[in-house]
Amino acid sequence: MQVVYFDHRGQGRSARGDVARYTLDENVEDMEALREHLGLGPIVSIGTSYGGMVAMAHAARYPPRFHTWCWW
């Protein structure tokens, strides 16, 4: 299994930019663009706190791009 960790816009080591674009929709699209850029098929996404919201929104928007997996 390959693990890819990334920061959301304006967080951690990511570049700073227009704060008006720090939205859930933009983060979901960033996540999908990264998945495509890396040439990955279906993924398992793990997120905590806001990252969990991004992961769930991404899975809801792009369901065929996910392996179904849940850990509670």
PDB file of N, CA and C in Angstrom:
ATOM      1  N   MET A   1       0.834  -1.166   0.000  1.00  0.00           N
ATOM      2  CA  MET A   1       0.000   0.000   0.000  1.00  0.00           C
ATOM      3  C   MET A   1       0.883   1.235   0.000  1.00  0.00           C
ATOM      4  N   GLN A   2       0.507   2.210  -0.759  1.00  0.00           N
ATOM      5  CA  GLN A   2       1.212   3.491  -0.813  1.00  0.00           C
ATOM      6  C   GLN A   2       0.428   4.506   0.012  1.00  0.00           C
ATOM      7  N   VAL A   3       1.101   5.286   0.818  1.00  0.00           N
ATOM      8  CA  VAL A   3       0.463   6.334   1.611  1.00  0.00           C
ATOM      9  C   VAL A   3       0.870   7.677   1.035  1.00  0.00           C
ATOM     10  N   VAL A   4      -0.124   8.515   0.764  1.00  0.00           N
ATOM     11  CA  VAL A   4       0.118   9.872   0.274  1.00  0.00           C
ATOM     12  C   VAL A   4      -0.513  10.821   1.274  1.00  0.00           C
ATOM     13  N   TYR A   5       0.283  11.727   1.797  1.00  0.00           N
ATOM     14  CA  TYR A   5      -0.195  12.727   2.752  1.00  0.00           C
ATOM     15  C   TYR A   5      -0.103  14.091   2.086  1.00  0.00           C
ATOM     16  N   PHE A   6      -1.151  14.877   2.201  1.00  0.00           N
ATOM     17  CA  PHE A   6      -1.078  16.225   1.642  1.00  0.00           C
ATOM     18  C   PHE A   6      -1.762  17.215   2.564  1.00  0.00           C
ATOM     19  N   ASP A   7      -1.304  18.450   2.505  1.00  0.00           N
ATOM     20  CA  ASP A   7      -1.905  19.542   3.269  1.00  0.00           C
ATOM     21  C   ASP A   7      -2.974  20.211   2.425  1.00  0.00           C
ATOM     22  N   HIS A   8      -4.018  20.670   3.063  1.00  0.00           N
ATOM     23  CA  HIS A   8      -5.040  21.453   2.362  1.00  0.00           C
ATOM     24  C   HIS A   8      -4.485  22.842   2.064  1.00  0.00           C
ATOM     25  N   ARG A   9      -5.130  23.528   1.149  1.00  0.00           N
ATOM     26  CA  ARG A   9      -4.707  24.883   0.783  1.00  0.00           C
ATOM     27  C   ARG A   9      -4.480  25.752   2.018  1.00  0.00           C
ATOM     28  N   GLY A  10      -3.323  26.391   2.050  1.00  0.00           N
ATOM     29  CA  GLY A  10      -3.015  27.330   3.126  1.00  0.00           C
ATOM     30  C   GLY A  10      -2.709  26.685   4.465  1.00  0.00           C
ATOM     31  N   GLN A  11      -2.611  25.368   4.523  1.00  0.00           N
ATOM     32  CA  GLN A  11      -2.353  24.663   5.776  1.00  0.00           C
ATOM     33  C   GLN A  11      -0.987  23.989   5.718  1.00  0.00           C
ATOM     34  N   GLY A  12      -0.386  23.781   6.869  1.00  0.00           N
ATOM     35  CA  GLY A  12       0.883  23.056   6.937  1.00  0.00           C
ATOM     36  C   GLY A  12       1.937  23.662   6.032  1.00  0.00           C
ATOM     37  N   ARG A  13       2.489  22.838   5.138  1.00  0.00           N
ATOM     38  CA  ARG A  13       3.556  23.287   4.241  1.00  0.00           C
ATOM     39  C   ARG A  13       3.053  23.737   2.881  1.00  0.00           C
ATOM     40  N   SER A  14       1.738  23.799   2.689  1.00  0.00           N
ATOM     41  CA  SER A  14       1.224  24.227   1.386  1.00  0.00           C
ATOM     42  C   SER A  14       1.415  25.731   1.214  1.00  0.00           C
ATOM     43  N   ALA A  15       1.432  26.145  -0.032  1.00  0.00           N
ATOM     44  CA  ALA A  15       1.601  27.571  -0.335  1.00  0.00           C
ATOM     45  C   ALA A  15       0.379  28.360   0.123  1.00  0.00           C
ATOM     46  N   ARG A  16       0.593  29.585   0.450  1.00  0.00           N
ATOM     47  CA  ARG A  16      -0.503  30.468   0.821  1.00  0.00           C
ATOM     48  C   ARG A  16      -1.092  31.046  -0.457  1.00  0.00           C
ATOM     49  N   GLY A  17      -2.357  31.380  -0.406  1.00  0.00           N
ATOM     50  CA  GLY A  17      -3.019  31.933  -1.584  1.00  0.00           C
ATOM     51  C   GLY A  17      -4.236  32.721  -1.184  1.00  0.00           C
ATOM     52  N   ASP A  18      -5.145  32.858  -2.114  1.00  0.00           N
ATOM     53  CA  ASP A  18      -6.382  33.601  -1.907  1.00  0.00           C
ATOM     54  C   ASP A  18      -7.264  32.849  -0.908  1.00  0.00           C
ATOM     55  N   VAL A  19      -7.474  33.422   0.271  1.00  0.00           N
ATOM     56  CA  VAL A  19      -8.244  32.734   1.308  1.00  0.00           C
ATOM     57  C   VAL A  19      -9.698  32.491   0.890  1.00  0.00           C
ATOM     58  N   ALA A  20     -10.195  33.228  -0.076  1.00  0.00           N
ATOM     59  CA  ALA A  20     -11.552  33.003  -0.571  1.00  0.00           C
ATOM     60  C   ALA A  20     -11.670  31.636  -1.243  1.00  0.00           C
ATOM     61  N   ARG A  21     -10.533  31.050  -1.624  1.00  0.00           N
ATOM     62  CA  ARG A  21     -10.533  29.733  -2.276  1.00  0.00           C
ATOM     63  C   ARG A  21     -10.232  28.598  -1.294  1.00  0.00           C
ATOM     64  N   TYR A  22     -10.199  28.880  -0.012  1.00  0.00           N
ATOM     65  CA  TYR A  22     -10.003  27.847   1.009  1.00  0.00           C
ATOM     66  C   TYR A  22     -11.373  27.287   1.379  1.00  0.00           C
ATOM     67  N   THR A  23     -11.971  26.553   0.471  1.00  0.00           N
ATOM     68  CA  THR A  23     -13.323  26.032   0.679  1.00  0.00           C
ATOM     69  C   THR A  23     -13.327  24.510   0.606  1.00  0.00           C
ATOM     70  N   LEU A  24     -14.386  23.918   1.105  1.00  0.00           N
ATOM     71  CA  LEU A  24     -14.543  22.473   1.029  1.00  0.00           C
ATOM     72  C   LEU A  24     -14.542  22.020  -0.428  1.00  0.00           C
ATOM     73  N   ASP A  25     -15.281  22.707  -1.283  1.00  0.00           N
ATOM     74  CA  ASP A  25     -15.317  22.337  -2.703  1.00  0.00           C
ATOM     75  C   ASP A  25     -13.934  22.379  -3.343  1.00  0.00           C
ATOM     76  N   GLU A  26     -13.170  23.422  -3.066  1.00  0.00           N
ATOM     77  CA  GLU A  26     -11.819  23.531  -3.634  1.00  0.00           C
ATOM     78  C   GLU A  26     -10.921  22.403  -3.124  1.00  0.00           C
ATOM     79  N   ASN A  27     -11.043  22.073  -1.833  1.00  0.00           N
ATOM     80  CA  ASN A  27     -10.230  20.997  -1.282  1.00  0.00           C
ATOM     81  C   ASN A  27     -10.602  19.648  -1.873  1.00  0.00           C
ATOM     82  N   VAL A  28     -11.878  19.422  -2.122  1.00  0.00           N
ATOM     83  CA  VAL A  28     -12.310  18.178  -2.767  1.00  0.00           C
ATOM     84  C   VAL A  28     -11.719  18.097  -4.175  1.00  0.00           C
ATOM     85  N   GLU A  29     -11.789  19.196  -4.908  1.00  0.00           N
ATOM     86  CA  GLU A  29     -11.241  19.201  -6.271  1.00  0.00           C
ATOM     87  C   GLU A  29      -9.722  19.055  -6.264  1.00  0.00           C
ATOM     88  N   ASP A  30      -9.048  19.641  -5.266  1.00  0.00           N
ATOM     89  CA  ASP A  30      -7.599  19.454  -5.131  1.00  0.00           C
ATOM     90  C   ASP A  30      -7.274  17.983  -4.896  1.00  0.00           C
ATOM     91  N   MET A  31      -8.057  17.328  -4.046  1.00  0.00           N
ATOM     92  CA  MET A  31      -7.823  15.918  -3.753  1.00  0.00           C
ATOM     93  C   MET A  31      -8.002  15.063  -5.003  1.00  0.00           C
ATOM     94  N   GLU A  32      -9.042  15.344  -5.774  1.00  0.00           N
ATOM     95  CA  GLU A  32      -9.266  14.590  -7.012  1.00  0.00           C
ATOM     96  C   GLU A  32      -8.170  14.875  -8.031  1.00  0.00           C
ATOM     97  N   ALA A  33      -7.744  16.119  -8.137  1.00  0.00           N
ATOM     98  CA  ALA A  33      -6.661  16.461  -9.069  1.00  0.00           C
ATOM     99  C   ALA A  33      -5.365  15.744  -8.682  1.00  0.00           C
ATOM    100  N   LEU A  34      -5.087  15.647  -7.383  1.00  0.00           N
ATOM    101  CA  LEU A  34      -3.893  14.940  -6.932  1.00  0.00           C
ATOM    102  C   LEU A  34      -3.994  13.452  -7.258  1.00  0.00           C
ATOM    103  N   ARG A  35      -5.165  12.847  -7.025  1.00  0.00           N
ATOM    104  CA  ARG A  35      -5.358  11.432  -7.347  1.00  0.00           C
ATOM    105  C   ARG A  35      -5.111  11.191  -8.829  1.00  0.00           C
ATOM    106  N   GLU A  36      -5.674  12.055  -9.674  1.00  0.00           N
ATOM    107  CA  GLU A  36      -5.477  11.920 -11.118  1.00  0.00           C
ATOM    108  C   GLU A  36      -4.016  12.135 -11.504  1.00  0.00           C
ATOM    109  N   HIS A  37      -3.384  13.167 -10.946  1.00  0.00           N
ATOM    110  CA  HIS A  37      -1.985  13.481 -11.252  1.00  0.00           C
ATOM    111  C   HIS A  37      -1.064  12.302 -10.930  1.00  0.00           C
ATOM    112  N   LEU A  38      -1.354  11.609  -9.834  1.00  0.00           N
ATOM    113  CA  LEU A  38      -0.542  10.468  -9.433  1.00  0.00           C
ATOM    114  C   LEU A  38      -0.894   9.203 -10.211  1.00  0.00           C
ATOM    115  N   GLY A  39      -1.921   9.276 -11.044  1.00  0.00           N
ATOM    116  CA  GLY A  39      -2.312   8.135 -11.858  1.00  0.00           C
ATOM    117  C   GLY A  39      -2.904   6.993 -11.052  1.00  0.00           C
ATOM    118  N   LEU A  40      -3.575   7.333  -9.956  1.00  0.00           N
ATOM    119  CA  LEU A  40      -4.127   6.310  -9.081  1.00  0.00           C
ATOM    120  C   LEU A  40      -5.523   5.902  -9.514  1.00  0.00           C
ATOM    121  N   GLY A  41      -5.828   4.639  -9.314  1.00  0.00           N
ATOM    122  CA  GLY A  41      -7.187   4.146  -9.504  1.00  0.00           C
ATOM    123  C   GLY A  41      -7.972   4.438  -8.233  1.00  0.00           C
ATOM    124  N   PRO A  42      -8.912   3.553  -7.884  1.00  0.00           N
ATOM    125  CA  PRO A  42      -9.673   3.758  -6.646  1.00  0.00           C
ATOM    126  C   PRO A  42      -8.746   3.825  -5.432  1.00  0.00           C
ATOM    127  N   ILE A  43      -9.097   4.686  -4.489  1.00  0.00           N
ATOM    128  CA  ILE A  43      -8.265   4.920  -3.307  1.00  0.00           C
ATOM    129  C   ILE A  43      -9.037   4.626  -2.026  1.00  0.00           C
ATOM    130  N   VAL A  44      -8.304   4.484  -0.952  1.00  0.00           N
ATOM    131  CA  VAL A  44      -8.853   4.476   0.401  1.00  0.00           C
ATOM    132  C   VAL A  44      -8.421   5.804   1.000  1.00  0.00           C
ATOM    133  N   SER A  45      -9.362   6.559   1.516  1.00  0.00           N
ATOM    134  CA  SER A  45      -9.045   7.878   2.058  1.00  0.00           C
ATOM    135  C   SER A  45      -9.276   7.881   3.560  1.00  0.00           C
ATOM    136  N   ILE A  46      -8.326   8.428   4.284  1.00  0.00           N
ATOM    137  CA  ILE A  46      -8.424   8.537   5.735  1.00  0.00           C
ATOM    138  C   ILE A  46      -8.228   9.999   6.099  1.00  0.00           C
ATOM    139  N   GLY A  47      -9.121  10.539   6.893  1.00  0.00           N
ATOM    140  CA  GLY A  47      -8.993  11.920   7.320  1.00  0.00           C
ATOM    141  C   GLY A  47      -9.506  12.091   8.728  1.00  0.00           C
ATOM    142  N   THR A  48      -8.957  13.053   9.431  1.00  0.00           N
ATOM    143  CA  THR A  48      -9.446  13.371  10.771  1.00  0.00           C
ATOM    144  C   THR A  48      -9.874  14.828  10.783  1.00  0.00           C
ATOM    145  N   SER A  49     -10.810  15.136  11.638  1.00  0.00           N
ATOM    146  CA  SER A  49     -11.320  16.492  11.775  1.00  0.00           C
ATOM    147  C   SER A  49     -11.752  17.026  10.409  1.00  0.00           C
ATOM    148  N   TYR A  50     -11.268  18.167   9.997  1.00  0.00           N
ATOM    149  CA  TYR A  50     -11.662  18.732   8.701  1.00  0.00           C
ATOM    150  C   TYR A  50     -11.256  17.816   7.546  1.00  0.00           C
ATOM    151  N   GLY A  51     -10.143  17.128   7.677  1.00  0.00           N
ATOM    152  CA  GLY A  51      -9.711  16.184   6.642  1.00  0.00           C
ATOM    153  C   GLY A  51     -10.726  15.072   6.435  1.00  0.00           C
ATOM    154  N   GLY A  52     -11.401  14.671   7.503  1.00  0.00           N
ATOM    155  CA  GLY A  52     -12.461  13.678   7.386  1.00  0.00           C
ATOM    156  C   GLY A  52     -13.628  14.207   6.588  1.00  0.00           C
ATOM    157  N   MET A  53     -13.943  15.492   6.779  1.00  0.00           N
ATOM    158  CA  MET A  53     -15.022  16.107   5.995  1.00  0.00           C
ATOM    159  C   MET A  53     -14.651  16.161   4.520  1.00  0.00           C
ATOM    160  N   VAL A  54     -13.407  16.494   4.224  1.00  0.00           N
ATOM    161  CA  VAL A  54     -12.945  16.532   2.830  1.00  0.00           C
ATOM    162  C   VAL A  54     -13.011  15.128   2.229  1.00  0.00           C
ATOM    163  N   ALA A  55     -12.551  14.128   2.977  1.00  0.00           N
ATOM    164  CA  ALA A  55     -12.571  12.747   2.487  1.00  0.00           C
ATOM    165  C   ALA A  55     -14.000  12.287   2.205  1.00  0.00           C
ATOM    166  N   MET A  56     -14.929  12.593   3.108  1.00  0.00           N
ATOM    167  CA  MET A  56     -16.328  12.186   2.900  1.00  0.00           C
ATOM    168  C   MET A  56     -16.947  12.913   1.716  1.00  0.00           C
ATOM    169  N   ALA A  57     -16.664  14.202   1.592  1.00  0.00           N
ATOM    170  CA  ALA A  57     -17.212  14.969   0.468  1.00  0.00           C
ATOM    171  C   ALA A  57     -16.638  14.471  -0.857  1.00  0.00           C
ATOM    172  N   HIS A  58     -15.358  14.121  -0.862  1.00  0.00           N
ATOM    173  CA  HIS A  58     -14.730  13.587  -2.070  1.00  0.00           C
ATOM    174  C   HIS A  58     -15.366  12.253  -2.442  1.00  0.00           C
ATOM    175  N   ALA A  59     -15.567  11.382  -1.459  1.00  0.00           N
ATOM    176  CA  ALA A  59     -16.197  10.080  -1.714  1.00  0.00           C
ATOM    177  C   ALA A  59     -17.626  10.243  -2.226  1.00  0.00           C
ATOM    178  N   ALA A  60     -18.351  11.222  -1.705  1.00  0.00           N
ATOM    179  CA  ALA A  60     -19.729  11.458  -2.147  1.00  0.00           C
ATOM    180  C   ALA A  60     -19.762  12.005  -3.571  1.00  0.00           C
ATOM    181  N   ARG A  61     -18.807  12.844  -3.911  1.00  0.00           N
ATOM    182  CA  ARG A  61     -18.779  13.455  -5.239  1.00  0.00           C
ATOM    183  C   ARG A  61     -18.226  12.508  -6.303  1.00  0.00           C
ATOM    184  N   TYR A  62     -17.273  11.660  -5.916  1.00  0.00           N
ATOM    185  CA  TYR A  62     -16.601  10.759  -6.858  1.00  0.00           C
ATOM    186  C   TYR A  62     -16.655   9.312  -6.363  1.00  0.00           C
ATOM    187  N   PRO A  63     -17.831   8.733  -6.180  1.00  0.00           N
ATOM    188  CA  PRO A  63     -17.908   7.388  -5.591  1.00  0.00           C
ATOM    189  C   PRO A  63     -17.141   6.290  -6.329  1.00  0.00           C
ATOM    190  N   PRO A  64     -17.040   6.294  -7.665  1.00  0.00           N
ATOM    191  CA  PRO A  64     -16.300   5.196  -8.301  1.00  0.00           C
ATOM    192  C   PRO A  64     -14.790   5.230  -8.036  1.00  0.00           C
ATOM    193  N   ARG A  65     -14.307   6.311  -7.476  1.00  0.00           N
ATOM    194  CA  ARG A  65     -12.868   6.451  -7.262  1.00  0.00           C
ATOM    195  C   ARG A  65     -12.423   5.977  -5.883  1.00  0.00           C
ATOM    196  N   PHE A  66     -13.339   5.310  -5.166  1.00  0.00           N
ATOM    197  CA  PHE A  66     -13.051   4.864  -3.810  1.00  0.00           C
ATOM    198  C   PHE A  66     -13.270   3.384  -3.636  1.00  0.00           C
ATOM    199  N   HIS A  67     -12.420   2.782  -2.809  1.00  0.00           N
ATOM    200  CA  HIS A  67     -12.699   1.457  -2.285  1.00  0.00           C
ATOM    201  C   HIS A  67     -13.543   1.709  -1.036  1.00  0.00           C
ATOM    202  N   THR A  68     -14.597   0.974  -0.866  1.00  0.00           N
ATOM    203  CA  THR A  68     -15.423   1.152   0.326  1.00  0.00           C
ATOM    204  C   THR A  68     -14.722   0.511   1.504  1.00  0.00           C
ATOM    205  N   TRP A  69     -14.518   1.295   2.528  1.00  0.00           N
ATOM    206  CA  TRP A  69     -13.844   0.828   3.724  1.00  0.00           C
ATOM    207  C   TRP A  69     -14.225   1.761   4.865  1.00  0.00           C
ATOM    208  N   CYS A  70     -14.502   1.214   5.997  1.00  0.00           N
ATOM    209  CA  CYS A  70     -14.901   2.041   7.131  1.00  0.00           C
ATOM    210  C   CYS A  70     -14.225   1.532   8.399  1.00  0.00           C
ATOM    211  N   TRP A  71     -13.747   2.434   9.196  1.00  0.00           N
ATOM    212  CA  TRP A  71     -13.127   2.082  10.463  1.00  0.00           C
ATOM    213  C   TRP A  71     -13.721   2.985  11.535  1.00  0.00           C
ATOM    214  N   TRP A  72     -14.386   2.411  12.472  1.00  0.00           N
ATOM    215  CA  TRP A  72     -15.011   3.202  13.550  1.00  0.00           C
ATOM    216  C   TRP A  72     -14.360   2.938  14.848  1.00  0.00           C
TER     217      TRP A  72
END
